[in-house]
Protein backbone atom coordinates (compact mmCIF):
# COMPACT_ATOMS: atom_id res chain seq x y z
CA MET A 1 -4.03 -26.87 -26.30
CA ASN A 2 -4.51 -23.51 -24.69
CA PRO A 3 -1.37 -21.47 -23.97
CA PRO A 4 -0.25 -21.71 -20.34
CA ILE A 5 -1.37 -18.93 -17.99
CA LYS A 6 1.55 -16.74 -17.05
CA PRO A 7 1.90 -16.61 -13.25
CA PRO A 8 2.34 -13.22 -11.58
CA LEU A 9 5.68 -12.06 -10.30
CA ALA A 10 6.03 -12.96 -6.64
CA TYR A 11 6.15 -9.32 -5.56
CA GLN A 12 2.93 -8.68 -7.53
CA ASP A 13 1.11 -11.74 -6.20
CA ASP A 14 -1.28 -10.47 -3.52
CA ASP A 15 -2.12 -14.01 -2.42
CA PHE A 16 1.56 -14.66 -1.72
CA LEU A 17 2.13 -11.25 -0.06
CA GLN A 18 -0.69 -11.94 2.40
CA SER A 19 0.54 -15.45 3.22
CA PRO A 20 2.47 -16.59 6.32
CA GLU A 21 5.51 -17.24 4.10
CA ALA A 22 5.66 -13.56 3.17
CA ARG A 23 5.48 -12.25 6.73
CA SER A 24 9.12 -11.15 6.62
CA VAL A 25 8.41 -9.22 3.40
CA ARG A 26 5.52 -7.41 5.07
CA MET A 27 7.72 -6.55 8.08
CA LEU A 28 10.48 -5.23 5.83
CA SER A 29 7.93 -3.18 3.90
CA GLU A 30 6.84 -1.48 7.12
CA TYR A 31 10.45 -0.46 7.62
CA LEU A 32 11.35 0.61 4.08
CA GLY A 33 8.02 2.28 3.23
CA PRO A 34 8.10 4.77 6.12
CA LEU A 35 11.85 5.29 5.61
CA ARG A 36 11.14 6.42 2.06
CA GLN A 37 8.38 8.78 3.21
CA PHE A 38 10.44 10.32 6.00
CA ARG A 39 13.37 10.91 3.66
CA ARG A 40 11.15 12.38 0.99
CA GLU A 41 9.56 14.81 3.44
CA LYS A 42 12.92 15.52 5.14
CA VAL A 43 11.74 14.49 8.60
CA ARG A 44 14.66 13.58 10.85
CA ASP A 45 13.55 14.43 14.37
CA THR A 46 10.13 14.13 15.98
CA ILE A 47 8.30 14.89 19.21
CA ALA A 48 6.13 11.86 19.85
CA MET A 49 2.81 12.68 21.52
CA PHE A 50 0.83 9.75 22.95
CA GLY A 51 -2.58 9.62 24.60
CA SER A 52 -6.01 8.10 24.55
CA ALA A 53 -8.12 7.82 21.42
CA ARG A 54 -11.17 8.20 23.71
CA ILE A 55 -10.45 11.72 24.94
CA ASN A 56 -12.25 14.27 22.79
CA GLU A 57 -13.35 17.90 22.97
CA GLU A 58 -16.22 17.08 25.32
CA GLY A 59 -16.36 14.98 28.45
CA PRO A 60 -14.62 14.87 31.83
CA LEU A 61 -11.09 14.71 30.34
CA SER A 62 -11.66 17.27 27.56
CA ARG A 63 -9.08 19.68 29.03
CA TYR A 64 -6.36 17.29 27.89
CA TYR A 65 -7.55 17.53 24.29
CA ALA A 66 -7.42 21.33 24.35
CA GLU A 67 -4.08 21.45 26.13
CA CYS A 68 -2.50 18.87 23.85
CA ARG A 69 -3.67 20.83 20.83
CA GLU A 70 -2.21 24.06 22.22
CA LEU A 71 1.09 22.42 23.20
CA ALA A 72 1.48 20.94 19.73
CA ARG A 73 0.70 24.32 18.18
CA ARG A 74 3.28 26.13 20.30
CA ILE A 75 6.02 23.56 19.84
CA THR A 76 5.45 23.58 16.09
CA LEU A 77 5.67 27.37 15.89
CA TRP A 78 8.89 27.31 17.87
CA SER A 79 10.39 24.52 15.82
CA ASP A 80 9.44 26.09 12.48
CA ALA A 81 11.13 29.33 13.57
CA LEU A 82 14.50 27.65 14.09
CA PRO A 83 17.17 29.00 11.70
CA SER A 84 17.97 25.65 10.11
CA SER A 85 15.36 23.36 8.52
CA ALA A 86 17.63 20.45 9.49
CA GLN A 87 16.95 21.21 13.15
CA ARG A 88 13.17 21.04 13.18
CA PHE A 89 11.18 18.83 15.49
CA VAL A 90 8.02 17.48 13.95
CA VAL A 91 4.98 16.38 15.99
CA ALA A 92 4.31 12.65 15.54
CA THR A 93 1.27 10.77 16.80
CA GLY A 94 -0.45 7.43 16.46
CA GLY A 95 -2.56 9.05 13.76
CA GLY A 96 -5.97 8.29 15.24
CA PRO A 97 -8.68 10.26 17.08
CA GLY A 98 -8.65 11.77 20.58
CA ILE A 99 -5.31 13.01 21.92
CA MET A 100 -3.65 11.95 18.69
CA GLU A 101 -6.00 14.15 16.69
CA ALA A 102 -5.45 17.01 19.09
CA ALA A 103 -1.68 16.93 18.55
CA ASN A 104 -1.91 16.71 14.77
CA ARG A 105 -4.51 19.46 14.87
CA GLY A 106 -2.28 21.74 16.91
CA ALA A 107 0.54 21.37 14.39
CA PHE A 108 -2.01 22.06 11.61
CA ASP A 109 -3.17 25.22 13.46
CA ALA A 110 0.43 26.41 13.42
CA GLY A 111 0.75 25.83 9.67
CA GLY A 112 3.32 23.07 10.22
CA ILE A 113 3.60 19.46 9.19
CA SER A 114 2.94 16.48 11.42
CA VAL A 115 3.25 12.69 11.29
CA GLY A 116 0.54 10.09 11.81
CA LEU A 117 1.62 6.49 12.38
CA ASN A 118 -1.74 4.75 12.25
CA ILE A 119 -2.34 1.12 13.17
CA ALA A 120 -4.88 -1.00 11.33
CA LEU A 121 -7.46 -2.10 13.92
CA PRO A 122 -10.99 -3.56 13.61
CA PHE A 123 -12.38 -0.62 15.61
CA GLU A 124 -11.61 2.85 16.93
CA GLN A 125 -8.56 3.66 14.83
CA ALA A 126 -8.70 5.63 11.58
CA PRO A 127 -6.38 8.42 10.38
CA ASN A 128 -7.49 11.84 11.55
CA PRO A 129 -7.82 14.63 8.97
CA TYR A 130 -5.03 16.87 10.36
CA ILE A 131 -2.05 14.67 9.47
CA THR A 132 0.20 15.97 6.67
CA PRO A 133 -0.81 13.79 3.68
CA GLY A 134 2.70 12.71 2.79
CA LEU A 135 3.35 11.74 6.41
CA SER A 136 0.24 9.60 7.04
CA MET A 137 1.27 5.95 7.32
CA GLU A 138 -0.56 2.74 8.04
CA PHE A 139 0.93 -0.19 9.96
CA GLY A 140 -0.15 -3.77 10.43
CA TYR A 141 2.46 -4.57 13.06
CA PHE A 142 2.57 -2.75 16.39
CA PHE A 143 6.29 -3.40 16.84
CA MET A 144 7.20 -1.74 13.53
CA ARG A 145 5.04 1.25 14.41
CA LYS A 146 6.78 1.51 17.79
CA PHE A 147 10.17 1.24 16.08
CA TRP A 148 9.44 4.38 14.05
CA PHE A 149 8.20 6.22 17.14
CA ALA A 150 11.38 5.41 19.04
CA TYR A 151 13.85 5.82 16.18
CA LEU A 152 13.05 9.41 15.31
CA ALA A 153 11.80 10.80 18.63
CA LYS A 154 13.92 13.35 20.45
CA ALA A 155 11.11 14.00 22.95
CA LEU A 156 8.06 12.15 24.17
CA VAL A 157 4.93 13.62 25.73
CA ALA A 158 2.49 11.08 27.23
CA PHE A 159 -1.03 12.34 27.98
CA PRO A 160 -3.51 10.14 29.87
CA GLY A 161 -4.34 6.99 27.99
CA GLY A 162 -5.12 3.28 28.19
CA PHE A 163 -3.31 0.12 27.19
CA GLY A 164 -1.93 1.54 23.94
CA THR A 165 -0.49 4.63 25.60
CA MET A 166 1.04 2.54 28.39
CA ASP A 167 2.56 0.17 25.84
CA GLU A 168 4.18 3.00 23.91
CA LEU A 169 5.35 4.86 27.02
CA PHE A 170 6.90 1.86 28.70
CA GLU A 171 8.58 0.81 25.47
CA ILE A 172 10.52 4.10 25.53
CA LEU A 173 11.19 3.94 29.29
CA THR A 174 12.54 0.41 28.92
CA LEU A 175 14.77 1.33 26.00
CA VAL A 176 16.21 4.23 27.99
CA GLN A 177 16.63 2.22 31.18
CA THR A 178 18.43 -0.60 29.36
CA LYS A 179 20.54 1.85 27.31
CA LYS A 180 19.15 0.55 24.03
CA LEU A 181 18.11 4.05 22.99
CA HIS A 182 21.37 5.59 21.81
CA LYS A 183 20.43 9.25 22.15
CA PRO A 184 19.21 11.69 24.78
CA ILE A 185 15.45 12.13 24.94
CA VAL A 186 13.09 14.37 26.90
CA VAL A 187 10.29 12.32 28.49
CA LEU A 188 7.31 14.21 29.86
CA LEU A 189 4.21 12.81 31.58
CA TYR A 190 1.35 15.28 31.25
CA GLY A 191 -1.17 15.16 34.08
CA THR A 192 0.54 14.47 37.39
CA SER A 193 -2.53 13.31 39.32
CA PHE A 194 -3.49 10.84 36.59
CA TRP A 195 -0.05 9.30 36.25
CA LYS A 196 0.59 9.04 39.99
CA GLU A 197 -2.82 7.46 40.55
CA VAL A 198 -2.30 4.89 37.80
CA PHE A 199 1.36 4.12 38.54
CA ASN A 200 3.24 4.35 41.82
CA PHE A 201 6.71 4.90 40.39
CA ASP A 202 8.17 5.68 43.82
CA ALA A 203 6.97 2.30 45.09
CA LEU A 204 8.89 0.54 42.29
CA ALA A 205 12.07 2.25 43.46
CA LYS A 206 11.25 1.64 47.15
CA HIS A 207 10.96 -2.11 46.55
CA GLY A 208 14.14 -2.17 44.49
CA LEU A 209 12.37 -3.05 41.24
CA ILE A 210 13.84 -0.02 39.50
CA SER A 211 16.84 2.07 40.49
CA PRO A 212 16.34 5.45 42.14
CA GLU A 213 17.98 7.15 39.15
CA ASP A 214 15.31 5.63 36.89
CA LEU A 215 12.89 8.13 38.40
CA HIS A 216 14.91 10.84 36.62
CA ILE A 217 14.15 9.42 33.18
CA PHE A 218 10.91 11.43 33.11
CA GLN A 219 9.23 14.40 34.68
CA PHE A 220 5.70 15.76 35.05
CA ALA A 221 3.77 18.79 33.80
CA ASP A 222 0.24 20.00 34.45
CA ASP A 223 -0.07 22.99 32.13
CA VAL A 224 0.95 24.01 28.64
CA ASP A 225 3.47 26.66 29.74
CA THR A 226 5.41 24.23 31.90
CA ALA A 227 5.32 21.47 29.27
CA PHE A 228 6.41 23.84 26.50
CA ASN A 229 9.32 25.17 28.54
CA ILE A 230 10.51 21.66 29.43
CA LEU A 231 10.43 20.61 25.77
CA ARG A 232 11.96 23.78 24.36
CA ASN A 233 14.73 24.00 26.94
CA GLY A 234 15.54 20.31 26.84
CA LEU A 235 15.65 20.07 23.05
CA THR A 236 17.67 23.28 22.77
CA ARG A 237 20.28 22.08 25.21
CA LEU A 238 20.48 18.53 23.88
CA TYR A 239 20.23 19.12 20.13
CA LEU A 240 20.68 22.78 19.27
CA THR A 241 23.77 23.43 21.45
CA PRO A 242 25.61 20.08 21.17
CA GLU A 243 28.95 21.61 22.14
CA GLU A 244 27.72 21.88 25.72
CA GLU A 245 28.51 18.93 27.95
CA PHE A 246 25.37 17.00 28.87
CA GLU A 247 24.49 16.64 32.51
CA MET A 248 21.72 14.37 33.80
CA THR A 249 18.65 16.35 34.86
CA PRO A 250 15.16 15.16 35.77
CA GLY A 251 13.07 14.33 32.72
CA ILE A 252 15.97 14.00 30.28
CA ALA A 253 17.26 10.51 29.68
CA HIS A 254 20.62 9.97 28.06
CA THR A 255 22.54 6.99 26.82
CA GLN A 256 25.74 6.55 24.88
CA ASN A 257 25.81 7.84 21.31
CA SER A 258 25.65 5.24 18.59
């Protein structure tokens, strides 16, 4: 009689790990794996930058690529110059091409680190080469990826984008509106004409579908200087001078502290 074949340990059994029964294990892994990487690289606060994977350096929307790259460069230089390393704001993107690449590239231009939270898709999405290697992460679940965007972000900049950008943006807006995001956050929509053509926010308030004060959750910018000043001033007041009493201003959403 041949000796019995020793079965693999469950956590080393790839067939089990890819099975429906192990779905909760995979979900937990997409929480604990990034947590380990963020702690190892000492990343506590991020500036999430969203936008289309289809906007590149050429084409009718190419200005957004260049301006996103420059904004990420400038915000990284400012953040890296802060006196305490514990108070640095790291650019974080969806890790792919287009606007995501532009933001990671801008941080790279400044000699800083940046995060890429990539999602495994059958097309279009692959990690861009400008992400800091120790901060490039791959997700199978959109909701776990969005958790890490929301959990660390102290500011959000949304450039023009499609379904994915809208999904990520409205996730944050909903969390703020429902007071599920227990921290202040600066929300900036870059490209006023685009955003107002795609969404009539005022009409939502007019018809009573959102409250008038919900229109103060975010604000708009159309150039790098304006966007940079909004981010720098908002983050400074909210996180670098915490002894000052917070007052609601357009583009800065605040909820109770957890």
